[in-house]
Amino acid sequence: MLHIIKTLSALHDVQRYMAASDSLLLVEDAVYAANPQHFAYTLMNTALSQTRVYVLKEDVLARGVSGFIDDTTHLVDYAGFVDLTAEHTHSMTWD
């Protein structure tokens, strides 16, 4: 399953439903969690450590945090977003 996370608070909610085979895509304000200096990074990194984490490049650029994103996080553009949804049978958006 692909979990599309839009807010930092949704990161906390999704961890109860994540499976090791799931992927996580951070969009909108959730991209801040990919910054190792942000408080939400620890939550994401420990609770969701077995998941592949992607970040929408356009939202990273729009928020001016491109220089702060963890290098283990995969940046994807809109075409990559579409590819992720095609790869996963199911997806869920978390606000």
N, C-alpha and C. Protein backbone atom coordinates (compact mmCIF):
# COMPACT_ATOMS: atom_id res chain seq x y z
N MET A 1 0.84 -1.18 0.00
CA MET A 1 0.00 0.00 0.00
C MET A 1 0.89 1.24 0.00
N LEU A 2 0.42 2.26 -0.69
CA LEU A 2 1.09 3.56 -0.69
C LEU A 2 0.31 4.48 0.24
N HIS A 3 0.99 4.99 1.25
CA HIS A 3 0.38 5.94 2.18
C HIS A 3 0.86 7.33 1.79
N ILE A 4 -0.06 8.19 1.43
CA ILE A 4 0.26 9.56 1.03
C ILE A 4 -0.03 10.45 2.24
N ILE A 5 1.01 11.05 2.78
CA ILE A 5 0.90 11.82 4.02
C ILE A 5 0.96 13.30 3.68
N LYS A 6 -0.08 14.05 4.11
CA LYS A 6 -0.15 15.48 3.82
C LYS A 6 0.24 16.36 4.99
N THR A 7 0.09 15.88 6.21
CA THR A 7 0.36 16.70 7.39
C THR A 7 1.29 15.97 8.36
N LEU A 8 1.92 16.73 9.23
CA LEU A 8 2.80 16.11 10.23
C LEU A 8 2.00 15.27 11.22
N SER A 9 0.81 15.71 11.57
CA SER A 9 0.00 14.94 12.52
C SER A 9 -0.42 13.60 11.92
N ALA A 10 -0.57 13.53 10.62
CA ALA A 10 -0.95 12.27 9.97
C ALA A 10 0.16 11.23 10.08
N LEU A 11 1.40 11.68 10.21
CA LEU A 11 2.52 10.75 10.39
C LEU A 11 2.33 9.90 11.63
N HIS A 12 1.86 10.52 12.68
CA HIS A 12 1.61 9.81 13.93
C HIS A 12 0.48 8.79 13.74
N ASP A 13 -0.56 9.18 13.03
CA ASP A 13 -1.72 8.31 12.83
C ASP A 13 -1.40 7.09 11.97
N VAL A 14 -0.62 7.27 10.94
CA VAL A 14 -0.38 6.21 9.98
C VAL A 14 0.47 5.07 10.53
N GLN A 15 1.29 5.34 11.53
CA GLN A 15 2.21 4.31 12.00
C GLN A 15 1.50 3.06 12.53
N ARG A 16 0.27 3.19 12.99
CA ARG A 16 -0.48 2.03 13.49
C ARG A 16 -0.91 1.10 12.36
N TYR A 17 -0.94 1.62 11.14
CA TYR A 17 -1.49 0.87 10.01
C TYR A 17 -0.43 0.46 9.00
N MET A 18 0.81 0.80 9.23
CA MET A 18 1.88 0.51 8.27
C MET A 18 2.32 -0.94 8.34
N ALA A 19 2.58 -1.51 7.18
CA ALA A 19 3.18 -2.83 7.07
C ALA A 19 4.57 -2.65 6.47
N ALA A 20 5.43 -3.62 6.67
CA ALA A 20 6.81 -3.53 6.18
C ALA A 20 6.88 -3.37 4.66
N SER A 21 5.89 -3.88 3.96
CA SER A 21 5.90 -3.81 2.49
C SER A 21 5.31 -2.50 1.95
N ASP A 22 4.80 -1.65 2.84
CA ASP A 22 4.17 -0.39 2.42
C ASP A 22 5.22 0.67 2.10
N SER A 23 4.79 1.66 1.34
CA SER A 23 5.62 2.82 1.03
C SER A 23 4.92 4.08 1.54
N LEU A 24 5.72 5.08 1.81
CA LEU A 24 5.23 6.33 2.37
C LEU A 24 5.64 7.47 1.45
N LEU A 25 4.68 8.31 1.06
CA LEU A 25 4.98 9.48 0.25
C LEU A 25 4.59 10.72 1.03
N LEU A 26 5.58 11.55 1.31
CA LEU A 26 5.35 12.81 2.03
C LEU A 26 5.07 13.91 1.02
N VAL A 27 3.94 14.60 1.19
CA VAL A 27 3.56 15.71 0.33
C VAL A 27 3.13 16.88 1.22
N GLU A 28 2.94 18.04 0.60
CA GLU A 28 2.50 19.24 1.29
C GLU A 28 3.36 19.48 2.54
N ASP A 29 2.74 19.77 3.70
CA ASP A 29 3.52 20.10 4.90
C ASP A 29 4.25 18.91 5.52
N ALA A 30 3.89 17.70 5.13
CA ALA A 30 4.56 16.52 5.67
C ALA A 30 6.00 16.40 5.21
N VAL A 31 6.39 17.14 4.16
CA VAL A 31 7.78 17.05 3.68
C VAL A 31 8.77 17.54 4.73
N TYR A 32 8.32 18.35 5.67
CA TYR A 32 9.22 18.81 6.73
C TYR A 32 9.78 17.65 7.56
N ALA A 33 9.05 16.55 7.62
CA ALA A 33 9.49 15.39 8.41
C ALA A 33 10.71 14.71 7.81
N ALA A 34 11.07 15.03 6.59
CA ALA A 34 12.27 14.46 5.96
C ALA A 34 13.53 15.24 6.30
N ASN A 35 13.39 16.28 7.10
CA ASN A 35 14.51 17.10 7.55
C ASN A 35 15.01 16.55 8.89
N PRO A 36 16.25 16.06 8.97
CA PRO A 36 16.76 15.51 10.22
C PRO A 36 16.73 16.48 11.40
N GLN A 37 16.62 17.78 11.14
CA GLN A 37 16.59 18.76 12.22
C GLN A 37 15.16 19.06 12.70
N HIS A 38 14.18 18.48 12.05
CA HIS A 38 12.79 18.71 12.42
C HIS A 38 12.35 17.70 13.47
N PHE A 39 11.47 18.10 14.39
CA PHE A 39 11.03 17.20 15.47
C PHE A 39 10.33 15.96 14.93
N ALA A 40 9.64 16.05 13.82
CA ALA A 40 8.90 14.91 13.27
C ALA A 40 9.81 13.89 12.60
N TYR A 41 11.03 14.26 12.31
CA TYR A 41 11.97 13.33 11.66
C TYR A 41 12.23 12.11 12.54
N THR A 42 12.39 12.30 13.83
CA THR A 42 12.66 11.19 14.73
C THR A 42 11.51 10.19 14.71
N LEU A 43 10.29 10.69 14.74
CA LEU A 43 9.12 9.83 14.67
C LEU A 43 9.12 9.04 13.37
N MET A 44 9.35 9.72 12.27
CA MET A 44 9.33 9.06 10.98
C MET A 44 10.46 8.04 10.90
N ASN A 45 11.62 8.40 11.35
CA ASN A 45 12.79 7.55 11.20
C ASN A 45 12.74 6.31 12.10
N THR A 46 12.18 6.42 13.28
CA THR A 46 12.14 5.26 14.17
C THR A 46 10.88 4.42 13.96
N ALA A 47 9.73 5.03 13.94
CA ALA A 47 8.48 4.28 13.82
C ALA A 47 8.28 3.69 12.43
N LEU A 48 8.81 4.36 11.44
CA LEU A 48 8.58 3.92 10.07
C LEU A 48 9.87 3.48 9.39
N SER A 49 10.80 2.99 10.17
CA SER A 49 12.14 2.70 9.66
C SER A 49 12.18 1.58 8.63
N GLN A 50 11.18 0.73 8.59
CA GLN A 50 11.21 -0.39 7.65
C GLN A 50 10.52 -0.06 6.34
N THR A 51 10.04 1.14 6.19
CA THR A 51 9.29 1.52 5.00
C THR A 51 10.14 2.36 4.07
N ARG A 52 9.83 2.29 2.80
CA ARG A 52 10.50 3.17 1.84
C ARG A 52 9.78 4.52 1.89
N VAL A 53 10.56 5.57 2.07
CA VAL A 53 9.98 6.91 2.21
C VAL A 53 10.34 7.74 0.98
N TYR A 54 9.32 8.34 0.39
CA TYR A 54 9.46 9.22 -0.77
C TYR A 54 8.96 10.60 -0.38
N VAL A 55 9.50 11.61 -1.04
CA VAL A 55 9.10 12.99 -0.80
C VAL A 55 8.84 13.64 -2.15
N LEU A 56 7.74 14.37 -2.25
CA LEU A 56 7.40 15.04 -3.50
C LEU A 56 8.30 16.27 -3.68
N LYS A 57 9.10 16.23 -4.71
CA LYS A 57 10.10 17.26 -4.98
C LYS A 57 9.49 18.66 -5.08
N GLU A 58 8.37 18.78 -5.75
CA GLU A 58 7.74 20.10 -5.92
C GLU A 58 7.36 20.72 -4.59
N ASP A 59 6.89 19.91 -3.64
CA ASP A 59 6.54 20.44 -2.32
C ASP A 59 7.78 20.79 -1.50
N VAL A 60 8.83 20.04 -1.68
CA VAL A 60 10.11 20.36 -1.03
C VAL A 60 10.63 21.71 -1.52
N LEU A 61 10.60 21.90 -2.83
CA LEU A 61 11.06 23.17 -3.42
C LEU A 61 10.17 24.34 -3.01
N ALA A 62 8.86 24.12 -2.99
CA ALA A 62 7.91 25.18 -2.62
C ALA A 62 8.11 25.65 -1.18
N ARG A 63 8.58 24.77 -0.32
CA ARG A 63 8.78 25.12 1.09
C ARG A 63 10.22 25.50 1.41
N GLY A 64 11.08 25.50 0.40
CA GLY A 64 12.46 25.95 0.58
C GLY A 64 13.31 25.05 1.46
N VAL A 65 13.04 23.75 1.47
CA VAL A 65 13.79 22.85 2.34
C VAL A 65 14.62 21.83 1.55
N SER A 66 14.88 22.11 0.29
CA SER A 66 15.59 21.13 -0.54
C SER A 66 16.98 20.81 -0.01
N GLY A 67 17.64 21.74 0.64
CA GLY A 67 18.96 21.50 1.19
C GLY A 67 18.96 20.76 2.52
N PHE A 68 17.78 20.48 3.05
CA PHE A 68 17.67 19.89 4.38
C PHE A 68 17.10 18.47 4.38
N ILE A 69 16.79 17.93 3.22
CA ILE A 69 16.15 16.61 3.14
C ILE A 69 17.19 15.51 3.34
N ASP A 70 16.84 14.54 4.16
CA ASP A 70 17.70 13.39 4.45
C ASP A 70 18.03 12.65 3.14
N ASP A 71 19.28 12.27 2.98
CA ASP A 71 19.68 11.62 1.73
C ASP A 71 19.19 10.18 1.60
N THR A 72 18.59 9.61 2.64
CA THR A 72 18.00 8.28 2.52
C THR A 72 16.56 8.35 2.02
N THR A 73 16.02 9.56 1.95
CA THR A 73 14.67 9.77 1.45
C THR A 73 14.74 9.96 -0.06
N HIS A 74 13.82 9.35 -0.76
CA HIS A 74 13.82 9.40 -2.22
C HIS A 74 12.95 10.54 -2.72
N LEU A 75 13.54 11.47 -3.46
CA LEU A 75 12.77 12.56 -4.05
C LEU A 75 12.10 12.07 -5.33
N VAL A 76 10.82 12.37 -5.47
CA VAL A 76 10.10 12.04 -6.71
C VAL A 76 9.37 13.27 -7.20
N ASP A 77 9.27 13.38 -8.51
CA ASP A 77 8.48 14.46 -9.10
C ASP A 77 7.07 13.93 -9.35
N TYR A 78 6.25 14.70 -10.06
CA TYR A 78 4.87 14.26 -10.28
C TYR A 78 4.81 12.97 -11.10
N ALA A 79 5.72 12.80 -12.04
CA ALA A 79 5.76 11.55 -12.81
C ALA A 79 6.09 10.38 -11.89
N GLY A 80 7.00 10.60 -10.94
CA GLY A 80 7.33 9.57 -9.96
C GLY A 80 6.16 9.26 -9.05
N PHE A 81 5.38 10.27 -8.73
CA PHE A 81 4.16 10.10 -7.93
C PHE A 81 3.20 9.15 -8.67
N VAL A 82 3.03 9.40 -9.95
CA VAL A 82 2.16 8.56 -10.76
C VAL A 82 2.70 7.13 -10.80
N ASP A 83 4.01 6.99 -10.96
CA ASP A 83 4.63 5.66 -10.98
C ASP A 83 4.38 4.92 -9.66
N LEU A 84 4.49 5.63 -8.54
CA LEU A 84 4.24 5.01 -7.24
C LEU A 84 2.81 4.51 -7.12
N THR A 85 1.86 5.30 -7.59
CA THR A 85 0.47 4.87 -7.51
C THR A 85 0.21 3.69 -8.43
N ALA A 86 0.92 3.61 -9.54
CA ALA A 86 0.77 2.47 -10.44
C ALA A 86 1.40 1.21 -9.86
N GLU A 87 2.49 1.36 -9.11
CA GLU A 87 3.19 0.22 -8.50
C GLU A 87 2.40 -0.42 -7.36
N HIS A 88 1.61 0.39 -6.69
CA HIS A 88 0.88 -0.09 -5.51
C HIS A 88 -0.59 -0.32 -5.85
N THR A 89 -1.09 -1.48 -5.48
CA THR A 89 -2.48 -1.82 -5.75
C THR A 89 -3.43 -0.88 -5.03
N HIS A 90 -3.07 -0.50 -3.81
CA HIS A 90 -3.92 0.36 -3.00
C HIS A 90 -3.13 1.58 -2.54
N SER A 91 -3.85 2.68 -2.35
CA SER A 91 -3.23 3.87 -1.76
C SER A 91 -4.25 4.52 -0.82
N MET A 92 -3.71 5.24 0.14
CA MET A 92 -4.55 5.96 1.10
C MET A 92 -3.92 7.31 1.39
N THR A 93 -4.72 8.34 1.39
CA THR A 93 -4.24 9.69 1.68
C THR A 93 -4.61 10.04 3.12
N TRP A 94 -3.62 10.54 3.84
CA TRP A 94 -3.80 10.92 5.24
C TRP A 94 -3.64 12.43 5.37
N ASP A 95 -4.66 13.08 5.95
CA ASP A 95 -4.60 14.54 6.19
C ASP A 95 -4.17 14.83 7.59
